[in-house]
Amino acid sequence: VQLQASGGGLVQAGGSLRLSCAASEIIDRVIEADWYRQVPGKEREWVAQISSDGRTNYADFVKGRFTIFRDNARNTVYLQMNVLSPEDTALYYCRADVTKDQYIYHDNWGQGTEVTVSS
């Protein structure tokens, strides 16, 4: 199942962006989802996770600034990013386990959305 991440863009330091992640096809529901990010030349790093029951976990470097949440009616997962700094500049990816036609599809990824934070 292909996911689509969107909402990236250019923002000044201290600003905010909201990323969205949704399936490009009809699914039953999102089970669990994560956001990752990657800077060219560096390894992809995990940012945040939301479980099927809404529990959330965050990497230390985004705690208190980023919020992951979900809209089950829209089968969409969001990442609200506040107090952005240039160090948050990266390509952001979403990953999710979903159900479709009562089958579970694990480890589905989006194509990434670029976030650039200017100083």
Protein backbone atom coordinates (compact mmCIF):
# COMPACT_ATOMS: atom_id res chain seq x y z
CA VAL A 1 0.00 0.00 0.00
CA GLN A 2 1.49 3.31 -1.07
CA LEU A 3 1.35 6.16 1.40
CA GLN A 4 1.50 9.83 0.51
CA ALA A 5 3.18 12.33 2.79
CA SER A 6 2.47 16.00 2.27
CA GLY A 7 2.67 19.34 4.00
CA GLY A 8 6.36 20.03 3.79
CA GLY A 9 7.75 23.36 2.74
CA LEU A 10 10.00 26.25 3.63
CA VAL A 11 9.53 27.90 6.99
CA GLN A 12 11.53 30.27 9.14
CA ALA A 13 13.08 29.14 12.40
CA GLY A 14 10.50 29.17 15.16
CA GLY A 15 7.70 28.48 12.75
CA SER A 16 5.36 25.53 12.36
CA LEU A 17 4.33 23.00 9.76
CA ARG A 18 1.83 20.18 9.76
CA LEU A 19 2.63 17.06 7.78
CA SER A 20 -0.01 14.62 6.66
CA CYS A 21 0.23 10.95 5.75
CA ALA A 22 -2.55 9.10 3.98
CA ALA A 23 -2.86 6.06 1.79
CA SER A 24 -3.13 6.65 -1.94
CA GLU A 25 -5.82 3.99 -2.10
CA ILE A 26 -8.82 3.03 -0.01
CA ILE A 27 -7.87 1.18 3.14
CA ASP A 28 -9.78 -0.06 6.15
CA ARG A 29 -7.68 1.63 8.81
CA VAL A 30 -4.24 2.65 9.93
CA ILE A 31 -3.00 0.40 12.71
CA GLU A 32 0.28 1.97 13.75
CA ALA A 33 2.28 4.74 12.14
CA ASP A 34 5.65 6.42 12.43
CA TRP A 35 7.35 9.47 11.09
CA TYR A 36 11.03 9.35 10.14
CA ARG A 37 13.35 11.92 8.67
CA GLN A 38 16.55 11.85 6.70
CA VAL A 39 19.17 14.41 5.86
CA PRO A 40 21.26 13.73 2.73
CA GLY A 41 24.38 11.84 3.69
CA LYS A 42 22.97 10.75 7.02
CA GLU A 43 20.98 7.77 8.17
CA ARG A 44 17.23 7.91 8.42
CA GLU A 45 16.13 8.63 11.99
CA TRP A 46 12.91 7.87 13.75
CA VAL A 47 10.87 10.86 14.89
CA ALA A 48 7.57 9.76 16.38
CA GLN A 49 5.09 6.91 16.60
CA ILE A 50 1.38 6.55 17.22
CA SER A 51 -0.13 3.20 18.09
CA SER A 52 -3.51 1.79 17.19
CA ASP A 53 -4.95 2.99 20.50
CA GLY A 54 -3.49 6.46 20.21
CA ARG A 55 -0.45 6.11 22.42
CA THR A 56 2.45 8.21 21.24
CA ASN A 57 6.22 8.13 21.52
CA TYR A 58 8.77 10.69 20.43
CA ALA A 59 12.45 10.97 19.80
CA ASP A 60 14.09 13.10 22.45
CA PHE A 61 15.05 15.77 19.94
CA VAL A 62 11.39 16.54 19.12
CA LYS A 63 9.72 16.06 22.51
CA GLY A 64 7.69 19.08 23.46
CA ARG A 65 7.82 20.49 19.92
CA PHE A 66 6.25 17.86 17.67
CA THR A 67 2.91 16.11 18.06
CA ILE A 68 1.79 13.03 16.18
CA PHE A 69 -1.94 12.46 15.97
CA ARG A 70 -4.44 10.61 13.82
CA ASP A 71 -7.84 11.10 12.28
CA ASN A 72 -9.33 7.63 12.08
CA ALA A 73 -12.28 8.80 10.02
CA ARG A 74 -9.90 10.02 7.33
CA ASN A 75 -7.29 7.27 7.88
CA THR A 76 -4.72 10.03 8.09
CA VAL A 77 -1.81 10.53 10.42
CA TYR A 78 -0.37 13.97 11.08
CA LEU A 79 2.81 15.41 12.48
CA GLN A 80 2.41 18.88 13.92
CA MET A 81 5.83 20.48 14.11
CA ASN A 82 6.28 23.61 16.19
CA VAL A 83 9.29 25.71 17.14
CA LEU A 84 11.15 24.44 14.12
CA SER A 85 14.89 24.95 13.88
CA PRO A 86 17.30 24.59 10.95
CA GLU A 87 18.34 21.25 12.45
CA ASP A 88 14.87 19.95 11.60
CA THR A 89 15.54 20.39 7.89
CA ALA A 90 15.13 16.97 6.31
CA LEU A 91 13.04 14.77 4.09
CA TYR A 92 10.21 13.45 6.27
CA TYR A 93 8.74 10.02 5.64
CA CYS A 94 5.72 8.27 7.06
CA ARG A 95 5.49 4.56 7.62
CA ALA A 96 2.39 2.65 8.62
CA ASP A 97 0.83 -0.74 9.09
CA VAL A 98 -2.65 -0.74 7.61
CA THR A 99 -5.54 -3.04 6.97
CA LYS A 100 -7.17 -3.31 3.57
CA ASP A 101 -9.91 -5.73 2.65
CA GLN A 102 -9.36 -7.28 6.07
CA TYR A 103 -5.73 -8.07 5.32
CA ILE A 104 -2.88 -6.50 7.25
CA TYR A 105 -0.20 -4.76 5.21
CA HIS A 106 2.94 -4.11 7.22
CA ASP A 107 5.63 -1.53 6.74
CA ASN A 108 4.15 0.71 4.08
CA TRP A 109 6.10 3.89 3.25
CA GLY A 110 5.39 7.24 1.74
CA GLN A 111 7.60 9.04 -0.75
CA GLY A 112 8.71 11.74 1.66
CA THR A 113 7.95 15.42 2.00
CA GLU A 114 10.70 17.98 2.25
CA VAL A 115 10.95 20.34 5.19
CA THR A 116 13.37 23.24 5.04
CA VAL A 117 13.83 25.56 8.00
CA SER A 118 15.71 28.77 7.39
CA SER A 119 17.61 30.58 10.10
